[in-house]
Amino acid sequence: MKEVAPGVLVESSYAPYNLVLIETEKGGIAVDLPPSPMYAMNWLEQARKAVGHVRYAVLTSATRERQFATAVCDVPIIAAEATLRVMEAYDEERPRREFLEDITVHYEEEVAVFDDLRPQKPALAFNERFTFYAGDRVLQFEVVAGAALGSLWVLVEDQNLLVAGDTVVAGAVPVMAETPDSKAWLNTMTSLARWQTVSSIIPGRGEQSIPSGEIEPQREFMRVMRRAARTLARRRADGLSLSQTAQELGQTFFNRHGQAAVKQIRASLEHLVAEVQAADGAGEGTTEED
C-alpha cells in the first residue's frame, strides 16, 4: 500500500481497481473491495494489519463486480440507497442463487474453497449525502451521477482529498458501459472541475492519486464519446462502424493500452448509442457543453 496523504492508503495490486484505506481513531474505512472472494478476504486482512480494526467497507457503486465481494465481507457496508435496493432482491431465493452462480462462473476455483457465500446488504445506506465523524476525521459521503448505478464518493476533509470511485479514472478508460446517464455523469465532472475544496483525487482506476486539475482528459474523452455515439445513432451504424470508431478513439486517447482499451470503448459506445436512441425516442435534447 502507498500512503498518498496522511492516514490515506491506496492499494493497486488488485487490478484494475484502486482500493483505499482511510485511517481514523475509530478504525479503518475500506473504500471498495476486489470482486474476487479470495482477493476480498486478502484485502480486508491486509487492511487490518495496517490499521488494526476495520470499521466499515464502502461500495462506490452497485455494479455486479462491486457486489461480488460482499459475499465474504465480514464488516458492515456503507453504500448508496440505490445499491441497497438492488441487493434487497437477494432476500428472494432465486435472485440469491443467480448471484452465487454468477460468482461461480467468474471465480469457480476460489468459490469452491468457501462453504457458504451469501451476498451482504449494506448496513448503512443513504440517497444524498451525510457527514461521518470518526474522532480525528470528518468524511463527507455523497451520492453522485457517475459511472454506474449507486455511484458515490468520499471527501476526506482534513486533506481536501476526494476518493472518487469509478466516477474519476486517470490513465485508464472511463467505464461508460453501465452508466445510467452519461450526460449527468459529464455534468458531475464539470461540477468537480469547479470544486475549490478538493486539491487531490484518488481515481477508481489507473493512477493512485492526481491533482484535481488533471481531470480534463477524462472530460474531453467523455465529450468525444457522446458526440461519436450521437453520430453513430443518427447513421444507424452497424457493428463494423462501432468497431472502427472504437479503434480510432482507442488510438487517439489510449494507444498504449492496445486492444484492451478498444474493447472497453466499443462496449461503452454500444451502450451510449442505445442511450441516445432512447433519449431521441423520448424527445429529450442534449443541452450540456458537449
Protein backbone atom coordinates (compact mmCIF):
# COMPACT_ATOMS: atom_id res chain seq x y z
CA MET A 1 0.00 0.00 0.00
CA LYS A 2 1.09 3.53 -0.71
CA GLU A 3 0.29 6.43 1.60
CA VAL A 4 -0.90 9.19 -0.74
CA ALA A 5 -1.85 11.53 2.14
CA PRO A 6 -1.51 11.28 5.94
CA GLY A 7 -3.62 8.31 7.00
CA VAL A 8 -4.91 7.60 3.48
CA LEU A 9 -3.50 4.46 1.83
CA VAL A 10 -4.04 3.12 -1.69
CA GLU A 11 -3.62 -0.47 -2.83
CA SER A 12 -3.45 -1.07 -6.60
CA SER A 13 -2.29 -4.68 -6.82
CA TYR A 14 -5.86 -5.94 -7.28
CA ALA A 15 -6.17 -4.68 -10.86
CA PRO A 16 -7.91 -2.76 -12.25
CA TYR A 17 -9.07 -1.13 -9.03
CA ASN A 18 -7.57 1.38 -6.66
CA LEU A 19 -8.63 0.24 -3.20
CA VAL A 20 -8.46 2.84 -0.44
CA LEU A 21 -7.97 2.57 3.31
CA ILE A 22 -8.73 5.64 5.43
CA GLU A 23 -7.30 5.58 8.95
CA THR A 24 -9.36 7.12 11.76
CA GLU A 25 -9.29 6.99 15.57
CA LYS A 26 -12.42 4.84 15.39
CA GLY A 27 -10.94 2.29 12.97
CA GLY A 28 -10.22 1.95 9.26
CA ILE A 29 -12.66 2.67 6.44
CA ALA A 30 -12.02 0.39 3.44
CA VAL A 31 -13.32 2.01 0.27
CA ASP A 32 -14.14 -0.72 -2.25
CA LEU A 33 -13.25 -4.39 -2.33
CA PRO A 34 -11.85 -6.52 -5.17
CA PRO A 35 -14.60 -8.72 -6.68
CA SER A 36 -12.71 -12.00 -6.31
CA PRO A 37 -13.80 -13.57 -2.98
CA MET A 38 -10.26 -14.64 -2.15
CA TYR A 39 -8.82 -11.23 -3.02
CA ALA A 40 -11.53 -9.54 -0.98
CA MET A 41 -10.59 -11.57 2.09
CA ASN A 42 -6.90 -10.87 1.48
CA TRP A 43 -7.57 -7.13 1.14
CA LEU A 44 -9.51 -6.93 4.39
CA GLU A 45 -6.78 -8.86 6.19
CA GLN A 46 -4.18 -6.54 4.69
CA ALA A 47 -6.22 -3.55 5.88
CA ARG A 48 -6.43 -4.95 9.41
CA LYS A 49 -2.68 -5.45 9.54
CA ALA A 50 -2.23 -1.83 8.54
CA VAL A 51 -4.73 -0.16 10.89
CA GLY A 52 -5.98 -2.79 13.30
CA HIS A 53 -9.77 -2.63 13.29
CA VAL A 54 -11.68 -2.12 10.03
CA ARG A 55 -14.92 -0.40 10.96
CA TYR A 56 -16.72 -0.19 7.61
CA ALA A 57 -16.35 -1.17 3.97
CA VAL A 58 -17.72 1.17 1.31
CA LEU A 59 -19.15 0.22 -2.09
CA THR A 60 -18.71 3.11 -4.53
CA SER A 61 -21.29 1.68 -6.96
CA ALA A 62 -23.81 -1.11 -7.46
CA THR A 63 -22.04 -2.96 -10.28
CA ARG A 64 -22.14 -6.73 -10.07
CA GLU A 65 -18.38 -6.83 -9.56
CA ARG A 66 -18.62 -4.48 -6.59
CA GLN A 67 -21.35 -6.69 -5.14
CA PHE A 68 -19.41 -9.96 -5.51
CA ALA A 69 -17.05 -9.12 -2.66
CA THR A 70 -19.89 -8.65 -0.18
CA ALA A 71 -20.30 -12.41 -0.05
CA VAL A 72 -17.13 -12.66 2.07
CA CYS A 73 -17.18 -9.22 3.69
CA ASP A 74 -17.28 -9.53 7.46
CA VAL A 75 -17.59 -5.82 8.28
CA PRO A 76 -20.64 -3.52 7.92
CA ILE A 77 -21.08 -2.00 4.47
CA ILE A 78 -21.85 1.61 3.53
CA ALA A 79 -23.43 2.21 0.12
CA ALA A 80 -25.89 4.37 -1.76
CA GLU A 81 -29.58 3.61 -1.31
CA ALA A 82 -29.72 2.53 -4.97
CA THR A 83 -27.18 -0.20 -4.19
CA LEU A 84 -29.25 -1.35 -1.23
CA ARG A 85 -32.37 -1.54 -3.44
CA VAL A 86 -30.52 -3.75 -5.93
CA MET A 87 -29.25 -6.03 -3.19
CA GLU A 88 -32.59 -6.33 -1.43
CA ALA A 89 -33.59 -8.63 -4.28
CA TYR A 90 -31.25 -11.25 -2.78
CA ASP A 91 -33.73 -11.79 0.01
CA GLU A 92 -35.54 -13.97 -2.54
CA GLU A 93 -34.11 -17.42 -3.18
CA ARG A 94 -33.89 -17.23 -6.98
CA PRO A 95 -32.02 -13.89 -7.23
CA ARG A 96 -29.65 -15.01 -4.48
CA ARG A 97 -28.99 -18.29 -6.30
CA GLU A 98 -28.37 -16.44 -9.59
CA PHE A 99 -25.94 -14.11 -7.80
CA LEU A 100 -23.93 -17.03 -6.44
CA GLU A 101 -23.99 -18.80 -9.81
CA ASP A 102 -22.61 -15.64 -11.37
CA ILE A 103 -19.74 -15.54 -8.87
CA THR A 104 -19.03 -19.21 -9.59
CA VAL A 105 -18.80 -18.56 -13.33
CA HIS A 106 -16.17 -15.87 -12.74
CA TYR A 107 -14.28 -17.43 -9.81
CA GLU A 108 -15.06 -21.14 -9.86
CA GLU A 109 -11.86 -22.37 -8.21
CA GLU A 110 -11.97 -19.75 -5.46
CA VAL A 111 -15.66 -20.22 -4.70
CA ALA A 112 -15.04 -23.94 -4.14
CA VAL A 113 -12.96 -23.00 -1.08
CA PHE A 114 -15.92 -21.38 0.70
CA ASP A 115 -18.69 -23.32 2.42
CA ASP A 116 -21.41 -20.68 2.36
CA LEU A 117 -21.34 -17.48 0.32
CA ARG A 118 -24.16 -15.01 0.88
CA PRO A 119 -24.39 -11.50 -0.53
CA GLN A 120 -24.37 -8.98 2.31
CA LYS A 121 -26.62 -5.96 2.10
CA PRO A 122 -25.38 -2.52 3.20
CA ALA A 123 -25.87 -1.80 6.88
CA LEU A 124 -25.89 1.95 6.21
CA ALA A 125 -27.42 3.40 3.03
CA PHE A 126 -28.20 6.97 2.01
CA ASN A 127 -29.63 8.77 -1.01
CA GLU A 128 -28.00 12.23 -0.98
CA ARG A 129 -25.12 12.92 1.41
CA PHE A 130 -24.11 12.55 5.02
CA THR A 131 -21.24 13.54 7.29
CA PHE A 132 -19.31 10.80 9.08
CA TYR A 133 -17.49 11.88 12.26
CA ALA A 134 -14.72 9.47 13.24
CA GLY A 135 -12.74 11.06 16.04
CA ASP A 136 -9.92 12.92 14.33
CA ARG A 137 -11.51 12.74 10.86
CA VAL A 138 -14.57 14.11 9.15
CA LEU A 139 -15.66 12.28 6.00
CA GLN A 140 -18.28 13.63 3.62
CA PHE A 141 -20.17 10.92 1.72
CA GLU A 142 -22.16 11.97 -1.35
CA VAL A 143 -24.22 10.10 -3.94
CA VAL A 144 -23.34 11.32 -7.44
CA ALA A 145 -24.30 10.70 -11.05
CA GLY A 146 -21.33 8.63 -12.14
CA ALA A 147 -20.12 5.54 -13.95
CA ALA A 148 -22.79 3.19 -12.61
CA LEU A 149 -25.95 2.97 -10.57
CA GLY A 150 -25.33 3.76 -6.90
CA SER A 151 -22.20 5.83 -7.52
CA LEU A 152 -20.81 7.71 -4.53
CA TRP A 153 -17.60 9.39 -3.47
CA VAL A 154 -15.97 10.31 -0.17
CA LEU A 155 -14.27 13.60 0.72
CA VAL A 156 -11.56 13.39 3.38
CA GLU A 157 -11.99 16.92 4.72
CA ASP A 158 -8.71 17.41 6.55
CA GLN A 159 -6.74 16.52 3.41
CA ASN A 160 -9.06 18.13 0.81
CA LEU A 161 -8.85 14.71 -0.86
CA LEU A 162 -11.64 13.04 -2.82
CA VAL A 163 -11.95 9.25 -3.03
CA ALA A 164 -13.89 9.13 -6.27
CA GLY A 165 -14.52 5.50 -7.21
CA ASP A 166 -15.01 4.93 -10.95
CA THR A 167 -16.58 8.36 -11.37
CA VAL A 168 -12.99 9.52 -11.93
CA VAL A 169 -10.25 7.48 -13.60
CA ALA A 170 -6.75 8.56 -14.62
CA GLY A 171 -4.60 6.80 -17.19
CA ALA A 172 -7.41 4.30 -17.74
CA VAL A 173 -10.50 4.09 -19.93
CA PRO A 174 -13.62 5.50 -18.23
CA VAL A 175 -16.11 2.66 -17.94
CA MET A 176 -19.19 4.01 -19.72
CA ALA A 177 -20.91 0.71 -20.49
CA GLU A 178 -23.13 0.77 -17.38
CA THR A 179 -23.68 4.46 -16.70
CA PRO A 180 -27.37 5.24 -16.22
CA ASP A 181 -26.97 8.78 -17.62
CA SER A 182 -23.77 9.83 -19.37
CA LYS A 183 -24.94 13.45 -19.61
CA ALA A 184 -25.43 13.61 -15.84
CA TRP A 185 -22.02 11.99 -15.31
CA LEU A 186 -20.35 14.56 -17.55
CA ASN A 187 -22.10 17.30 -15.61
CA THR A 188 -20.75 15.77 -12.37
CA MET A 189 -17.25 16.05 -13.82
CA THR A 190 -17.87 19.67 -14.80
CA SER A 191 -19.00 20.48 -11.26
CA LEU A 192 -15.95 18.72 -9.84
CA ALA A 193 -13.67 20.83 -12.03
CA ARG A 194 -15.06 23.92 -10.26
CA TRP A 195 -14.90 22.46 -6.74
CA GLN A 196 -12.37 24.58 -4.85
CA THR A 197 -12.29 22.42 -1.71
CA VAL A 198 -10.70 19.44 -3.50
CA SER A 199 -6.97 19.58 -4.12
CA SER A 200 -6.31 15.92 -4.95
CA ILE A 201 -8.30 12.91 -6.12
CA ILE A 202 -7.90 9.14 -5.78
CA PRO A 203 -9.38 7.72 -9.00
CA GLY A 204 -11.16 4.38 -9.04
CA ARG A 205 -8.75 3.07 -11.68
CA GLY A 206 -5.35 4.00 -13.08
CA GLU A 207 -3.07 6.39 -11.27
CA GLN A 208 -3.24 6.24 -7.48
CA SER A 209 -3.60 9.99 -6.92
CA ILE A 210 -3.88 13.06 -9.14
CA PRO A 211 -4.22 16.81 -8.61
CA SER A 212 -7.83 17.89 -9.06
CA GLY A 213 -6.87 19.91 -12.13
CA GLU A 214 -5.94 16.77 -14.06
CA ILE A 215 -9.47 15.52 -14.77
CA GLU A 216 -9.73 17.40 -18.09
CA PRO A 217 -8.52 14.45 -20.24
CA GLN A 218 -11.39 12.35 -18.90
CA ARG A 219 -13.90 15.12 -19.50
CA GLU A 220 -12.69 15.52 -23.09
CA PHE A 221 -12.85 11.78 -23.73
CA MET A 222 -16.39 11.63 -22.38
CA ARG A 223 -17.47 14.56 -24.57
CA VAL A 224 -15.97 12.89 -27.65
CA MET A 225 -17.62 9.58 -26.80
CA ARG A 226 -21.03 11.22 -26.51
CA ARG A 227 -20.59 13.02 -29.83
CA ALA A 228 -19.47 9.80 -31.51
CA ALA A 229 -22.47 7.94 -30.10
CA ARG A 230 -24.86 10.59 -31.44
CA THR A 231 -23.25 10.35 -34.88
CA LEU A 232 -23.45 6.56 -34.88
CA ALA A 233 -27.06 6.65 -33.71
CA ARG A 234 -28.08 9.08 -36.49
CA ARG A 235 -26.40 6.87 -39.09
CA ARG A 236 -27.92 3.72 -37.61
CA ALA A 237 -24.40 2.34 -37.57
CA ASP A 238 -23.76 -1.39 -37.64
CA GLY A 239 -21.28 -3.39 -35.58
CA LEU A 240 -18.48 -2.73 -38.04
CA SER A 241 -18.91 1.05 -37.69
CA LEU A 242 -18.89 0.70 -33.91
CA SER A 243 -15.67 -1.29 -34.04
CA GLN A 244 -14.00 1.17 -36.44
CA THR A 245 -14.93 4.14 -34.27
CA ALA A 246 -13.72 2.34 -31.14
CA GLN A 247 -10.42 1.59 -32.86
CA GLU A 248 -9.96 5.25 -33.84
CA LEU A 249 -10.79 6.53 -30.36
CA GLY A 250 -8.54 3.94 -28.75
CA GLN A 251 -5.61 5.03 -30.91
CA THR A 252 -6.30 8.70 -30.19
CA PHE A 253 -6.79 8.55 -26.42
CA PHE A 254 -5.38 5.24 -25.13
CA ASN A 255 -2.94 3.99 -27.74
CA ARG A 256 -0.54 2.46 -25.21
CA HIS A 257 -3.36 0.33 -23.77
CA GLY A 258 -3.84 -1.53 -27.05
CA GLN A 259 -6.84 -3.68 -27.90
CA ALA A 260 -8.00 -4.00 -24.29
CA ALA A 261 -8.88 -0.30 -24.39
CA VAL A 262 -10.55 -0.66 -27.79
CA LYS A 263 -12.75 -3.47 -26.43
CA GLN A 264 -13.83 -1.32 -23.48
CA ILE A 265 -14.52 1.66 -25.73
CA ARG A 266 -16.63 -0.42 -28.10
CA ALA A 267 -18.77 -1.74 -25.24
CA SER A 268 -19.22 1.82 -23.99
CA LEU A 269 -20.15 3.11 -27.45
CA GLU A 270 -22.78 0.41 -27.82
CA HIS A 271 -24.31 1.45 -24.52
CA LEU A 272 -24.16 5.17 -25.36
CA VAL A 273 -25.76 4.66 -28.78
CA ALA A 274 -28.66 2.89 -27.06
CA GLU A 275 -28.86 5.79 -24.60
CA VAL A 276 -29.04 8.33 -27.44
CA GLN A 277 -31.71 6.34 -29.24
CA ALA A 278 -33.79 6.08 -26.06
CA ALA A 279 -33.45 9.83 -25.44
CA ASP A 280 -34.46 10.63 -29.03
CA GLY A 281 -37.46 8.38 -28.68
CA ALA A 282 -38.48 10.27 -25.55
CA GLY A 283 -37.97 13.64 -27.26
CA GLU A 284 -35.10 14.69 -24.99
CA GLY A 285 -32.41 17.10 -26.20
CA THR A 286 -28.72 17.49 -25.36
CA THR A 287 -28.01 20.86 -23.79
CA GLU A 288 -24.76 20.36 -21.90
CA GLU A 289 -21.38 21.68 -23.04
CA ASP A 290 -20.56 18.83 -25.44
